[in-house]
């Protein structure tokens, strides 16, 4: 399987289309990924460790993870959701969201 990365956003586009979704909210599975992190302590801890890494290190691990997901033929929406975390601003906001829900604060995901 071949992967595609959008040039302007850093997000993976498993569908090989020329344009990326306009926002992460348009990416099926991204909100679900954050909700899973809020609901499951192990997922939360894993994503917190990943998102707390320096940008280059996080991006390298996410590239490798996406590649593994593509090889394993994981669901497209999950691959795209993980790929969104390549973007520094998205990763920073996702980190804030999952830290907030971990502390028991209510917020919108």
Protein backbone atom coordinates (compact mmCIF):
# COMPACT_ATOMS: atom_id res chain seq x y z
CA UNK A 1 0.00 0.00 0.00
CA UNK A 2 1.24 3.49 -0.77
CA UNK A 3 0.92 6.48 1.50
CA UNK A 4 0.30 10.07 0.58
CA UNK A 5 1.02 13.14 2.63
CA UNK A 6 -0.53 16.47 1.87
CA UNK A 7 2.09 19.09 1.18
CA UNK A 8 0.44 21.96 2.98
CA UNK A 9 -0.80 20.34 6.17
CA UNK A 10 1.53 17.50 7.06
CA UNK A 11 -1.49 15.21 7.43
CA UNK A 12 -1.66 11.81 5.83
CA UNK A 13 -4.22 11.34 3.15
CA UNK A 14 -4.75 7.61 2.90
CA UNK A 15 -7.28 8.10 0.12
CA UNK A 16 -4.59 9.51 -2.16
CA UNK A 17 -6.72 12.54 -2.99
CA UNK A 18 -5.12 15.84 -3.88
CA UNK A 19 -6.68 17.86 -1.06
CA UNK A 20 -6.81 17.31 2.67
CA UNK A 21 -9.91 17.76 4.80
CA UNK A 22 -10.47 21.43 5.69
CA UNK A 23 -10.12 20.69 9.41
CA UNK A 24 -9.51 17.77 11.71
CA UNK A 25 -13.24 17.80 12.44
CA UNK A 26 -13.68 16.72 8.81
CA UNK A 27 -11.38 13.74 9.37
CA UNK A 28 -13.45 10.73 10.33
CA UNK A 29 -11.98 9.22 13.44
CA UNK A 30 -9.99 12.16 14.83
CA UNK A 31 -12.64 13.20 17.34
CA UNK A 32 -13.15 9.51 18.09
CA UNK A 33 -9.43 9.15 18.80
CA UNK A 34 -9.60 11.99 21.32
CA UNK A 35 -12.76 10.57 22.89
CA UNK A 36 -11.05 7.18 23.24
CA UNK A 37 -8.11 8.90 24.96
CA UNK A 38 -10.53 10.56 27.36
CA UNK A 39 -12.35 7.31 28.08
CA UNK A 40 -9.38 4.96 28.42
CA UNK A 41 -6.50 5.71 30.79
CA UNK A 42 -4.01 3.58 28.84
CA UNK A 43 -4.78 5.28 25.52
CA UNK A 44 -4.64 8.64 27.29
CA UNK A 45 -1.23 7.93 28.82
CA UNK A 46 0.17 6.66 25.52
CA UNK A 47 -1.04 9.68 23.55
CA UNK A 48 0.18 12.06 26.25
CA UNK A 49 3.68 10.55 26.06
CA UNK A 50 3.64 10.78 22.26
CA UNK A 51 2.29 14.33 22.13
CA UNK A 52 4.68 15.59 24.82
CA UNK A 53 7.69 14.67 22.68
CA UNK A 54 9.66 17.31 20.79
CA UNK A 55 8.04 17.96 17.40
CA UNK A 56 10.63 16.17 15.26
CA UNK A 57 10.64 13.10 17.49
CA UNK A 58 6.81 12.98 17.57
CA UNK A 59 6.62 13.35 13.80
CA UNK A 60 9.14 10.56 13.24
CA UNK A 61 7.20 8.16 15.46
CA UNK A 62 3.91 9.10 13.83
CA UNK A 63 5.39 8.55 10.35
CA UNK A 64 6.52 5.09 11.45
CA UNK A 65 3.16 4.35 13.09
CA UNK A 66 1.22 5.43 10.00
CA UNK A 67 3.45 3.27 7.83
CA UNK A 68 2.82 0.28 10.10
CA UNK A 69 -0.93 0.99 10.02
CA UNK A 70 -0.90 1.14 6.22
CA UNK A 71 0.98 -2.15 5.99
CA UNK A 72 -1.47 -3.73 8.45
CA UNK A 73 -4.36 -2.33 6.38
CA UNK A 74 -5.86 -0.59 9.41
CA UNK A 75 -9.11 1.30 8.90
CA UNK A 76 -8.57 4.38 6.75
CA UNK A 77 -10.29 6.72 9.23
CA UNK A 78 -7.88 5.63 11.98
CA UNK A 79 -4.82 6.12 9.78
CA UNK A 80 -6.01 9.61 8.86
CA UNK A 81 -6.74 10.43 12.51
CA UNK A 82 -3.24 9.41 13.59
CA UNK A 83 -1.76 11.29 10.62
CA UNK A 84 -3.41 14.51 11.82
CA UNK A 85 -1.04 14.41 14.79
CA UNK A 86 1.87 15.21 12.46
CA UNK A 87 0.75 18.83 12.46
CA UNK A 88 2.37 20.71 15.37
CA UNK A 89 -0.65 22.91 16.13
CA UNK A 90 -3.07 19.97 16.00
CA UNK A 91 -0.79 17.90 18.23
CA UNK A 92 -0.56 20.74 20.73
CA UNK A 93 -4.34 21.18 20.86
CA UNK A 94 -4.92 17.42 21.09
CA UNK A 95 -2.48 17.26 24.00
CA UNK A 96 -4.38 20.03 25.81
CA UNK A 97 -7.71 18.26 25.22
CA UNK A 98 -6.60 14.86 26.47
CA UNK A 99 -4.82 16.37 29.48
CA UNK A 100 -7.98 18.28 30.34
CA UNK A 101 -10.25 15.25 30.15
CA UNK A 102 -7.70 13.21 32.13
CA UNK A 103 -7.93 15.72 34.95
CA UNK A 104 -11.68 15.23 35.01
CA UNK A 105 -12.53 18.59 33.53
CA UNK A 106 -15.39 18.71 31.12
CA UNK A 107 -14.74 20.08 27.72
CA UNK A 108 -15.71 19.61 24.15
CA UNK A 109 -13.73 17.16 22.13
